[in-house]
N, C-alpha and C. Protein backbone atom coordinates (compact mmCIF):
# COMPACT_ATOMS: atom_id res chain seq x y z
N MET A 1 14.30 7.38 58.46
CA MET A 1 12.96 7.55 57.85
C MET A 1 12.75 7.88 55.94
N SER A 2 13.11 7.43 54.68
CA SER A 2 12.50 8.37 53.99
C SER A 2 10.91 8.38 53.83
N ARG A 3 10.58 9.59 52.94
CA ARG A 3 9.72 10.35 52.49
C ARG A 3 8.52 9.50 52.20
N ARG A 4 9.09 8.02 51.43
CA ARG A 4 8.31 6.86 51.02
C ARG A 4 7.63 6.55 52.38
N LEU A 5 8.56 6.01 52.80
CA LEU A 5 8.25 5.17 53.61
C LEU A 5 7.50 5.93 55.86
N GLU A 6 7.85 7.01 55.25
CA GLU A 6 7.12 8.37 56.30
C GLU A 6 5.60 8.39 55.77
N SER A 7 5.32 8.25 54.44
CA SER A 7 4.25 8.26 53.70
C SER A 7 3.62 7.54 54.06
N LEU A 8 3.83 5.86 53.87
CA LEU A 8 3.09 4.74 54.27
C LEU A 8 3.53 4.15 55.86
N SER A 9 4.18 5.24 56.61
CA SER A 9 3.25 5.30 58.22
C SER A 9 2.88 5.93 58.33
N LYS A 10 2.13 7.20 58.06
CA LYS A 10 0.90 8.03 57.76
C LYS A 10 -0.08 7.33 57.40
N PHE A 11 0.19 6.55 55.88
CA PHE A 11 -1.36 5.50 55.28
C PHE A 11 -1.40 4.20 57.25
N LEU A 12 -0.54 4.04 57.60
CA LEU A 12 -0.81 2.84 58.44
C LEU A 12 -1.01 3.84 58.68
N SER A 13 -0.88 4.82 60.11
CA SER A 13 -2.11 4.92 60.94
C SER A 13 -3.14 5.57 60.69
N LEU A 14 -3.45 5.41 59.72
CA LEU A 14 -4.74 6.10 59.32
C LEU A 14 -5.62 4.83 59.57
N VAL A 15 -5.14 4.22 58.82
CA VAL A 15 -6.54 2.63 58.91
C VAL A 15 -5.95 2.17 60.02
N LEU A 16 -4.84 1.40 61.03
CA LEU A 16 -4.66 1.30 61.95
C LEU A 16 -5.44 1.96 63.63
N ARG A 17 -5.57 3.54 63.42
CA ARG A 17 -6.08 4.15 64.66
C ARG A 17 -7.05 4.75 64.20
N HIS A 18 -7.54 5.46 62.93
CA HIS A 18 -8.67 6.24 62.37
C HIS A 18 -10.11 5.66 61.75
N ARG A 19 -9.49 5.16 60.54
CA ARG A 19 -10.28 5.17 59.11
C ARG A 19 -9.98 3.45 58.79
N PRO A 20 -9.64 2.27 59.77
CA PRO A 20 -9.55 1.29 58.87
C PRO A 20 -10.87 0.49 57.64
N GLU A 21 -11.51 1.28 57.92
CA GLU A 21 -12.76 1.17 56.17
C GLU A 21 -12.64 1.27 55.57
N GLU A 22 -11.38 2.28 55.25
CA GLU A 22 -11.45 3.23 53.96
C GLU A 22 -10.29 2.75 52.87
N ILE A 23 -9.89 1.06 53.51
CA ILE A 23 -9.52 -0.28 52.48
C ILE A 23 -10.22 -1.31 52.85
N GLY A 24 -11.67 -0.94 53.41
CA GLY A 24 -12.11 -2.44 54.06
C GLY A 24 -11.43 -3.07 55.25
N LEU A 25 -10.72 -2.63 56.30
CA LEU A 25 -9.75 -3.36 57.61
C LEU A 25 -10.45 -3.33 58.15
N THR A 26 -11.31 -4.77 58.51
CA THR A 26 -11.04 -4.89 59.90
C THR A 26 -10.37 -5.09 60.47
N LEU A 27 -10.53 -4.64 61.94
CA LEU A 27 -9.66 -4.73 63.21
C LEU A 27 -10.30 -5.34 63.96
N ASP A 28 -9.66 -6.65 65.02
CA ASP A 28 -10.25 -7.18 65.90
C ASP A 28 -10.29 -6.05 67.11
N ASP A 29 -10.77 -7.27 68.38
CA ASP A 29 -11.46 -5.82 69.40
C ASP A 29 -10.21 -5.27 70.23
N HIS A 30 -9.58 -5.67 69.32
CA HIS A 30 -7.83 -5.22 70.76
C HIS A 30 -7.50 -4.39 69.55
N GLY A 31 -7.72 -4.06 68.48
CA GLY A 31 -6.83 -3.30 67.18
C GLY A 31 -5.85 -3.86 66.37
N TRP A 32 -6.04 -5.01 66.55
CA TRP A 32 -5.49 -5.96 65.53
C TRP A 32 -5.70 -6.52 64.15
N THR A 33 -4.92 -6.56 63.20
CA THR A 33 -4.96 -6.88 61.77
C THR A 33 -3.98 -7.86 61.83
N GLU A 34 -3.93 -8.58 60.77
CA GLU A 34 -3.33 -9.54 59.84
C GLU A 34 -2.35 -9.21 58.89
N ILE A 35 -1.11 -8.77 58.89
CA ILE A 35 -0.45 -8.46 58.42
C ILE A 35 -0.66 -8.68 56.33
N ASP A 36 -1.32 -10.01 55.94
CA ASP A 36 -1.13 -10.01 54.90
C ASP A 36 -2.45 -9.39 54.63
N TYR A 37 -3.19 -9.26 55.13
CA TYR A 37 -4.15 -8.94 54.55
C TYR A 37 -3.77 -7.43 54.63
N LEU A 38 -3.99 -7.11 55.67
CA LEU A 38 -3.58 -5.57 55.49
C LEU A 38 -2.90 -5.11 54.04
N VAL A 39 -1.70 -6.28 53.64
CA VAL A 39 -1.38 -4.99 52.25
C VAL A 39 -1.98 -5.91 51.36
N THR A 40 -2.64 -6.55 51.19
CA THR A 40 -3.34 -7.14 50.29
C THR A 40 -4.44 -5.98 50.12
N LEU A 41 -5.31 -5.70 51.25
CA LEU A 41 -6.28 -4.76 51.38
C LEU A 41 -5.15 -3.08 50.61
N ALA A 42 -4.75 -3.07 51.20
CA ALA A 42 -3.56 -1.82 50.92
C ALA A 42 -3.19 -1.68 49.03
N ASN A 43 -2.81 -2.92 48.67
CA ASN A 43 -2.27 -2.55 47.67
C ASN A 43 -3.34 -3.04 45.99
N SER A 44 -5.08 -3.64 46.61
CA SER A 44 -5.61 -3.42 45.90
C SER A 44 -6.57 -1.65 46.11
N ARG A 45 -6.33 -1.12 46.83
CA ARG A 45 -6.65 0.19 46.97
C ARG A 45 -5.79 1.39 46.05
N GLY A 46 -4.48 0.87 46.03
CA GLY A 46 -3.59 1.57 45.29
C GLY A 46 -2.70 2.22 45.74
N THR A 47 -2.49 1.46 47.26
CA THR A 47 -1.15 2.03 48.48
C THR A 47 -0.05 0.87 48.20
N PRO A 48 0.59 1.15 47.49
CA PRO A 48 1.66 -0.28 47.21
C PRO A 48 2.29 -0.57 48.60
N LEU A 49 2.76 -1.55 49.77
CA LEU A 49 3.14 -1.75 50.70
C LEU A 49 3.01 -3.55 50.72
N THR A 50 3.81 -4.17 51.15
CA THR A 50 4.70 -5.25 50.83
C THR A 50 4.53 -5.09 52.75
N ARG A 51 4.66 -6.82 52.65
CA ARG A 51 4.89 -7.09 54.37
C ARG A 51 6.30 -6.81 54.73
N ASP A 52 7.60 -6.81 53.99
CA ASP A 52 8.98 -5.98 54.59
C ASP A 52 8.56 -4.65 55.24
N VAL A 53 8.36 -3.76 54.32
CA VAL A 53 7.63 -3.03 54.17
C VAL A 53 6.92 -1.52 55.10
N VAL A 54 5.85 -3.00 55.84
CA VAL A 54 5.24 -3.11 57.06
C VAL A 54 5.76 -3.12 58.18
N LEU A 55 6.96 -4.36 57.96
CA LEU A 55 7.87 -4.75 59.69
C LEU A 55 8.71 -3.65 59.47
N GLU A 56 9.73 -3.08 58.38
CA GLU A 56 10.45 -2.03 58.36
C GLU A 56 10.17 -0.72 59.25
N ILE A 57 8.48 -0.42 58.75
CA ILE A 57 7.97 0.94 59.47
C ILE A 57 7.64 0.64 61.34
N ALA A 58 7.76 -0.71 60.82
CA ALA A 58 7.00 -0.67 62.39
C ALA A 58 8.38 -0.90 63.73
N ALA A 59 9.24 -1.37 62.90
CA ALA A 59 11.02 -1.58 64.00
C ALA A 59 11.26 -0.01 63.90
N THR A 60 11.69 0.49 62.81
CA THR A 60 12.56 2.10 62.57
C THR A 60 11.21 3.31 63.12
N SER A 61 9.92 3.28 63.23
CA SER A 61 9.41 4.31 63.98
C SER A 61 9.99 5.41 65.04
N ASP A 62 10.14 6.49 65.13
CA ASP A 62 10.92 6.98 65.92
C ASP A 62 9.71 7.16 67.53
N LYS A 63 8.65 6.92 66.92
CA LYS A 63 7.18 7.24 67.88
C LYS A 63 7.50 5.80 68.45
N LYS A 64 7.99 4.56 67.92
CA LYS A 64 6.98 3.34 68.24
C LYS A 64 5.37 3.50 68.34
N ARG A 65 4.79 4.06 66.83
CA ARG A 65 3.84 3.77 66.98
C ARG A 65 2.52 2.69 67.10
N PHE A 66 3.75 1.38 66.26
CA PHE A 66 3.46 -0.21 66.46
C PHE A 66 3.42 -0.81 66.25
N ALA A 67 2.86 -1.44 67.12
CA ALA A 67 3.38 -3.17 67.75
C ALA A 67 2.94 -3.79 66.83
N VAL A 68 4.42 -4.87 66.84
CA VAL A 68 3.67 -5.96 66.16
C VAL A 68 4.00 -7.58 67.00
N SER A 69 2.94 -8.41 66.55
CA SER A 69 2.48 -9.96 67.35
C SER A 69 4.06 -10.43 67.40
N PRO A 70 4.37 -11.14 68.22
CA PRO A 70 5.84 -11.73 68.35
C PRO A 70 6.05 -13.19 67.10
N ASP A 71 4.71 -13.30 66.89
CA ASP A 71 5.00 -14.51 64.99
C ASP A 71 5.06 -13.29 64.08
N GLU A 72 5.33 -11.51 63.88
CA GLU A 72 5.25 -11.20 63.25
C GLU A 72 4.00 -11.30 62.11
N ASN A 73 3.10 -12.17 62.24
CA ASN A 73 1.30 -12.18 61.26
C ASN A 73 0.97 -10.59 61.99
N ARG A 74 0.66 -10.00 62.88
CA ARG A 74 0.06 -9.20 62.85
C ARG A 74 0.31 -7.89 63.98
N ILE A 75 -0.18 -6.33 63.06
CA ILE A 75 -0.11 -5.59 63.20
C ILE A 75 -1.09 -4.98 64.32
N ARG A 76 -0.88 -4.01 65.33
CA ARG A 76 -2.25 -2.68 65.62
C ARG A 76 -0.98 -1.07 65.94
N ALA A 77 -1.86 -0.52 65.99
CA ALA A 77 -1.24 0.70 66.55
C ALA A 77 -1.09 0.88 68.02
N ASN A 78 -0.50 1.97 68.75
CA ASN A 78 0.12 1.28 70.31
C ASN A 78 -0.79 2.20 70.79
N GLN A 79 -1.46 3.24 70.90
CA GLN A 79 -2.16 4.31 71.18
C GLN A 79 -2.46 5.14 70.26
N GLY A 80 -3.96 6.16 70.17
CA GLY A 80 -4.18 7.42 69.61
C GLY A 80 -5.31 6.72 69.01
N HIS A 81 -5.75 6.03 69.15
CA HIS A 81 -7.56 5.57 68.20
C HIS A 81 -8.25 5.99 68.01
N SER A 82 -9.40 6.72 67.59
CA SER A 82 -9.95 7.63 67.74
C SER A 82 -11.32 6.65 67.42
N ILE A 83 -11.31 5.04 66.81
CA ILE A 83 -12.04 4.50 66.58
C ILE A 83 -12.15 3.50 68.09
N MET A 84 -13.16 2.39 68.61
CA MET A 84 -13.01 2.27 69.90
C MET A 84 -12.29 0.74 69.71
N VAL A 85 -11.29 0.82 70.30
CA VAL A 85 -10.53 0.04 70.61
C VAL A 85 -9.88 -0.91 72.47
N ASN A 86 -10.33 -1.94 72.70
CA ASN A 86 -9.82 -2.15 74.19
C ASN A 86 -7.94 -2.23 73.71
N LEU A 87 -7.31 -2.36 74.19
CA LEU A 87 -5.50 -2.26 73.90
C LEU A 87 -5.10 -3.03 75.00
N GLY A 88 -5.82 -3.75 75.84
CA GLY A 88 -5.94 -4.65 76.98
C GLY A 88 -4.83 -4.03 78.07
N LEU A 89 -4.71 -2.84 77.78
CA LEU A 89 -3.46 -2.45 79.49
C LEU A 89 -4.17 -2.21 80.66
N THR A 90 -3.10 -2.76 81.30
CA THR A 90 -3.47 -2.38 82.83
C THR A 90 -3.61 -0.90 83.60
N PRO A 91 -4.39 -0.86 84.26
CA PRO A 91 -3.96 0.43 84.71
C PRO A 91 -2.94 0.52 86.13
N GLN A 92 -2.09 1.74 85.69
CA GLN A 92 -0.71 1.73 86.79
C GLN A 92 -0.82 2.87 87.12
N GLU A 93 0.17 2.93 88.57
CA GLU A 93 0.18 4.01 89.07
C GLU A 93 1.60 5.09 88.00
N PRO A 94 1.14 6.48 87.68
CA PRO A 94 1.57 7.15 87.47
C PRO A 94 2.80 7.21 88.07
N PRO A 95 3.58 8.64 87.10
CA PRO A 95 4.26 9.33 88.11
C PRO A 95 4.06 10.30 88.73
N ARG A 96 4.69 11.18 89.37
CA ARG A 96 4.06 12.50 90.30
C ARG A 96 3.48 13.73 89.06
N GLU A 97 3.90 13.64 88.37
CA GLU A 97 3.97 14.83 87.55
C GLU A 97 3.71 14.36 85.69
N LEU A 98 3.68 14.47 84.84
CA LEU A 98 3.64 14.52 83.33
C LEU A 98 2.97 15.49 82.93
N PHE A 99 3.54 15.59 81.20
CA PHE A 99 3.04 16.86 80.57
C PHE A 99 2.19 16.19 79.62
N HIS A 100 2.15 17.82 78.48
CA HIS A 100 0.98 17.62 77.77
C HIS A 100 1.25 19.13 76.69
N GLY A 101 1.07 18.60 75.36
CA GLY A 101 1.91 19.78 74.89
C GLY A 101 0.47 19.97 73.76
N THR A 102 0.38 20.92 73.46
CA THR A 102 -0.91 21.18 72.71
C THR A 102 -0.21 23.14 72.21
N ALA A 103 -1.50 23.00 71.45
CA ALA A 103 -0.75 24.66 70.62
C ALA A 103 -1.20 26.20 71.99
N MET A 104 -0.94 27.05 71.99
CA MET A 104 -1.04 28.40 72.82
C MET A 104 -2.47 28.51 72.19
N ARG A 105 -2.37 28.16 71.14
CA ARG A 105 -3.81 28.65 71.09
C ARG A 105 -5.73 28.16 71.81
N PHE A 106 -5.05 26.89 71.73
CA PHE A 106 -5.99 25.67 73.06
C PHE A 106 -6.45 26.76 74.80
N ALA A 107 -5.63 26.84 74.58
CA ALA A 107 -5.23 27.57 75.91
C ALA A 107 -5.71 27.68 76.73
N GLN A 108 -7.32 28.79 76.98
CA GLN A 108 -7.96 29.83 76.90
C GLN A 108 -8.95 27.83 77.74
N SER A 109 -9.19 27.04 76.22
CA SER A 109 -10.46 26.20 76.11
C SER A 109 -10.04 25.54 77.40
N ILE A 110 -8.92 25.15 77.31
CA ILE A 110 -7.71 24.10 78.33
C ILE A 110 -7.97 24.38 79.90
N ARG A 111 -8.50 25.73 79.95
CA ARG A 111 -8.04 26.83 81.47
C ARG A 111 -9.71 26.28 81.56
N ASP A 112 -10.73 26.56 80.91
CA ASP A 112 -11.80 26.22 80.95
C ASP A 112 -12.63 24.58 81.08
N ASN A 113 -12.11 23.98 80.98
CA ASN A 113 -12.75 22.59 80.71
C ASN A 113 -10.92 21.34 80.66
N GLY A 114 -10.36 22.28 80.92
CA GLY A 114 -9.60 20.78 81.30
C GLY A 114 -8.81 19.93 79.91
N LEU A 115 -8.00 18.74 79.76
CA LEU A 115 -8.27 18.12 79.06
C LEU A 115 -9.25 17.70 78.82
N LEU A 116 -9.46 16.86 77.23
CA LEU A 116 -10.27 16.27 77.20
C LEU A 116 -9.95 15.56 75.59
N PRO A 117 -9.71 14.10 75.38
CA PRO A 117 -9.81 13.37 74.02
C PRO A 117 -9.75 14.01 72.95
N GLY A 118 -10.69 15.01 73.30
CA GLY A 118 -11.48 14.99 71.80
C GLY A 118 -11.96 14.36 70.75
N SER A 119 -11.32 13.52 69.26
CA SER A 119 -12.25 12.89 68.72
C SER A 119 -11.30 11.09 69.42
N ARG A 120 -10.64 11.33 70.05
CA ARG A 120 -9.16 10.00 70.26
C ARG A 120 -9.85 9.61 71.45
N GLN A 121 -9.72 8.23 71.88
CA GLN A 121 -10.37 8.21 73.22
C GLN A 121 -9.42 8.12 74.17
N HIS A 122 -8.79 8.84 74.35
CA HIS A 122 -7.65 9.04 75.11
C HIS A 122 -7.63 10.50 75.65
N VAL A 123 -6.67 11.31 76.46
CA VAL A 123 -5.80 11.60 76.53
C VAL A 123 -4.21 11.69 76.30
N HIS A 124 -3.26 12.00 76.18
CA HIS A 124 -2.53 11.55 75.64
C HIS A 124 -1.18 12.49 76.42
N LEU A 125 -0.53 12.05 77.20
CA LEU A 125 1.01 12.70 78.13
C LEU A 125 2.04 12.31 77.89
N SER A 126 2.89 12.47 78.39
CA SER A 126 4.32 12.83 78.21
C SER A 126 5.61 12.68 79.92
N LEU A 127 6.05 11.60 79.44
CA LEU A 127 7.80 11.74 80.67
C LEU A 127 7.99 12.99 80.95
N ASN A 128 8.23 13.87 79.90
CA ASN A 128 9.12 14.55 79.88
C ASN A 128 8.75 16.27 79.62
N ALA A 129 9.06 16.81 79.16
CA ALA A 129 8.80 18.50 78.96
C ALA A 129 8.98 18.09 77.35
N THR A 130 10.67 17.94 76.75
CA THR A 130 10.81 17.98 75.83
C THR A 130 9.89 17.56 74.90
N THR A 131 9.37 15.88 74.74
CA THR A 131 8.36 15.60 74.04
C THR A 131 7.14 16.37 73.75
N ALA A 132 6.80 16.47 75.05
CA ALA A 132 5.55 17.32 75.01
C ALA A 132 6.19 18.30 73.96
N THR A 133 7.02 19.35 74.32
CA THR A 133 6.85 20.39 73.19
C THR A 133 7.11 20.20 71.97
N ALA A 134 7.73 19.00 71.65
CA ALA A 134 8.37 18.56 70.26
C ALA A 134 5.78 18.53 69.64
N VAL A 135 5.42 17.82 70.12
CA VAL A 135 4.14 17.10 70.19
C VAL A 135 3.22 19.45 70.10
N GLY A 136 3.70 19.58 71.15
CA GLY A 136 3.04 21.10 70.84
C GLY A 136 2.89 21.21 69.65
N ALA A 137 4.19 21.44 69.61
CA ALA A 137 5.03 22.24 68.38
C ALA A 137 4.16 22.29 67.10
N ARG A 138 4.23 20.73 66.57
CA ARG A 138 3.24 20.51 65.20
C ARG A 138 1.78 20.84 65.35
N HIS A 139 1.30 20.89 66.23
CA HIS A 139 0.04 21.82 65.93
C HIS A 139 -0.15 23.81 65.89
N GLY A 140 1.61 24.41 66.04
CA GLY A 140 1.98 25.59 66.39
C GLY A 140 2.53 26.24 67.66
N LYS A 141 2.11 27.21 68.20
CA LYS A 141 3.16 27.42 69.15
C LYS A 141 2.28 26.44 70.43
N PRO A 142 4.12 26.22 70.39
CA PRO A 142 3.43 25.14 71.69
C PRO A 142 3.30 25.40 72.71
N LEU A 143 2.50 24.47 73.36
CA LEU A 143 2.43 25.19 74.91
C LEU A 143 2.43 24.18 75.86
N VAL A 144 3.40 23.35 76.95
CA VAL A 144 3.20 22.52 77.03
C VAL A 144 2.71 22.75 78.88
N LEU A 145 1.71 21.94 79.43
CA LEU A 145 1.37 22.07 80.47
C LEU A 145 1.69 20.72 81.06
N SER A 146 1.83 20.55 82.53
CA SER A 146 2.59 19.90 83.54
C SER A 146 1.55 19.57 84.28
N VAL A 147 0.80 17.78 84.14
CA VAL A 147 -0.21 17.47 84.78
C VAL A 147 0.18 16.55 85.96
N ARG A 148 -0.80 17.07 87.41
CA ARG A 148 -0.52 16.09 88.01
C ARG A 148 -1.23 15.50 88.23
N ALA A 149 -0.15 14.25 87.74
CA ALA A 149 -1.16 12.36 87.22
C ALA A 149 -1.51 11.88 88.56
N LEU A 150 -0.10 11.80 89.82
CA LEU A 150 0.00 10.75 90.64
C LEU A 150 -1.63 12.30 91.64
N ASP A 151 -1.57 12.92 91.61
CA ASP A 151 -3.01 13.10 92.35
C ASP A 151 -4.32 12.86 92.15
N MET A 152 -4.37 13.03 90.15
CA MET A 152 -5.34 12.36 89.96
C MET A 152 -5.58 10.91 90.25
N HIS A 153 -4.98 10.36 89.86
CA HIS A 153 -4.82 8.80 90.17
C HIS A 153 -5.46 8.45 91.92
N ARG A 154 -4.21 9.10 92.81
CA ARG A 154 -5.25 9.52 93.97
C ARG A 154 -6.70 9.47 94.19
N ASP A 155 -7.19 10.31 93.68
CA ASP A 155 -8.14 10.23 93.42
C ASP A 155 -9.37 10.03 92.69
N GLY A 156 -8.66 8.99 91.48
CA GLY A 156 -9.74 7.99 90.99
C GLY A 156 -9.60 8.08 90.09
N PHE A 157 -8.75 8.67 89.54
CA PHE A 157 -8.66 8.96 87.85
C PHE A 157 -7.78 7.73 87.56
N GLU A 158 -8.38 6.11 85.84
CA GLU A 158 -7.35 5.71 85.96
C GLU A 158 -6.31 6.60 84.85
N PHE A 159 -4.96 5.64 84.68
CA PHE A 159 -3.81 5.95 83.76
C PHE A 159 -3.44 4.24 83.48
N LEU A 160 -2.94 4.74 81.77
CA LEU A 160 -2.44 3.59 81.02
C LEU A 160 -1.34 3.78 80.23
N LEU A 161 -0.15 2.75 80.24
CA LEU A 161 1.01 2.97 80.08
C LEU A 161 1.22 2.39 78.59
N SER A 162 0.61 2.87 77.52
CA SER A 162 1.09 2.33 76.05
C SER A 162 2.69 1.28 76.32
N ASP A 163 2.61 0.89 75.14
CA ASP A 163 3.43 -0.27 74.79
C ASP A 163 5.25 1.04 74.27
N ASN A 164 4.38 2.24 73.67
CA ASN A 164 5.24 3.04 73.14
C ASN A 164 5.51 4.49 73.94
N ALA A 165 4.96 4.02 75.48
CA ALA A 165 5.08 4.91 76.82
C ALA A 165 4.81 5.85 77.02
N VAL A 166 3.65 5.63 76.06
CA VAL A 166 2.80 7.31 76.37
C VAL A 166 1.97 7.08 77.52
N TRP A 167 1.07 7.63 78.21
CA TRP A 167 0.37 7.56 79.44
C TRP A 167 -0.69 8.35 78.73
N LEU A 168 -1.47 7.70 79.13
CA LEU A 168 -2.77 7.33 78.52
C LEU A 168 -4.35 7.56 79.72
N THR A 169 -5.04 8.78 80.05
CA THR A 169 -5.94 9.02 80.71
C THR A 169 -6.76 9.38 79.91
N PRO A 170 -8.49 9.00 80.62
CA PRO A 170 -9.63 9.23 80.24
C PRO A 170 -9.98 11.27 79.82
N ILE A 171 -9.85 11.84 81.00
CA ILE A 171 -9.74 13.50 80.74
C ILE A 171 -8.64 14.02 81.84
N VAL A 172 -8.89 15.05 81.83
CA VAL A 172 -7.63 15.73 82.44
C VAL A 172 -8.42 16.98 83.25
N PRO A 173 -9.11 17.01 84.38
CA PRO A 173 -9.78 17.94 84.65
C PRO A 173 -9.35 19.53 85.20
N PRO A 174 -9.10 20.88 84.95
CA PRO A 174 -8.53 21.88 84.82
C PRO A 174 -7.34 22.14 85.80
N SER A 175 -8.76 21.56 87.40
CA SER A 175 -7.82 21.41 88.48
C SER A 175 -6.56 20.94 88.42
N TYR A 176 -6.51 20.32 87.99
CA TYR A 176 -4.74 19.53 87.80
C TYR A 176 -3.77 19.24 86.93
N LEU A 177 -3.76 20.70 86.18
CA LEU A 177 -3.25 21.71 85.34
C LEU A 177 -2.37 22.88 86.13
N GLU A 178 -0.77 22.72 85.53
CA GLU A 178 -0.11 23.58 85.48
C GLU A 178 0.36 23.97 84.51
N PHE A 179 -0.20 25.49 84.13
CA PHE A 179 0.17 26.16 83.34
C PHE A 179 1.63 26.87 83.39
N PRO A 180 2.31 27.13 82.14
CA PRO A 180 4.01 27.54 82.24
C PRO A 180 3.52 29.00 83.34
N GLY A 181 4.23 29.27 84.03
CA GLY A 181 4.29 30.51 84.75
C GLY A 181 3.56 30.79 85.89
N GLN A 182 2.64 29.66 86.02
CA GLN A 182 1.79 29.21 87.65
C GLN A 182 2.61 28.89 88.13
N SER A 183 2.45 29.33 89.89
CA SER A 183 3.11 28.15 91.03
C SER A 183 2.05 28.07 91.30
C-alpha cells in the first residue's frame, strides 16, 4: 500500500472506529455509514478522498480492517472500536488457545489485572503467535501471551469472531493467561 493510501487508511480507522465526529460523520448502530456521505464529509474537511480510493483501501488492506456492503454503498470497521457499536456478531466457541500481543512494559499490570479492553470495546486476540508478535511490536518490545480461550468459554465468557478473523472478548482474567516461560 502506498504512503498516501496508508495515510488515508489511518484516517478511515480514525473516523470509523474512534472519532466520527471529527468530520461530522454519523454511524448507524452497527458502525455502518454511506461511502458517498463519508467521501463528501472528508473532502469538506480537507481530506481528499474518493469512492474508488475507499473501495481500494477496503479491498487491499492486509489486515482487512474494513467491510464494504455487498452493494458497495456502505462501509464500516470490522473491529477495534472505542465508540459503542454492535457489530452483530454471533458468539462462538473459540479454539483452545488464542494469543495476545502487547508491549513488555505492560506485563506487571496484566499479571495483576488481566487483559482489559482499555478504550476499546473488546480485547483483541489472534489465532497465532506470529500475528500477536507483530501487534505487540507496534507498542514496544513485544510480549506474547497465550490465552486459554476454550477454558474461558466453558466458564461462561463470550467470544466473538470479527469478519477479519480477530477474536474479541470483553476481558481476560489473569488466571487464563500464560506468560512466556511459564509452564
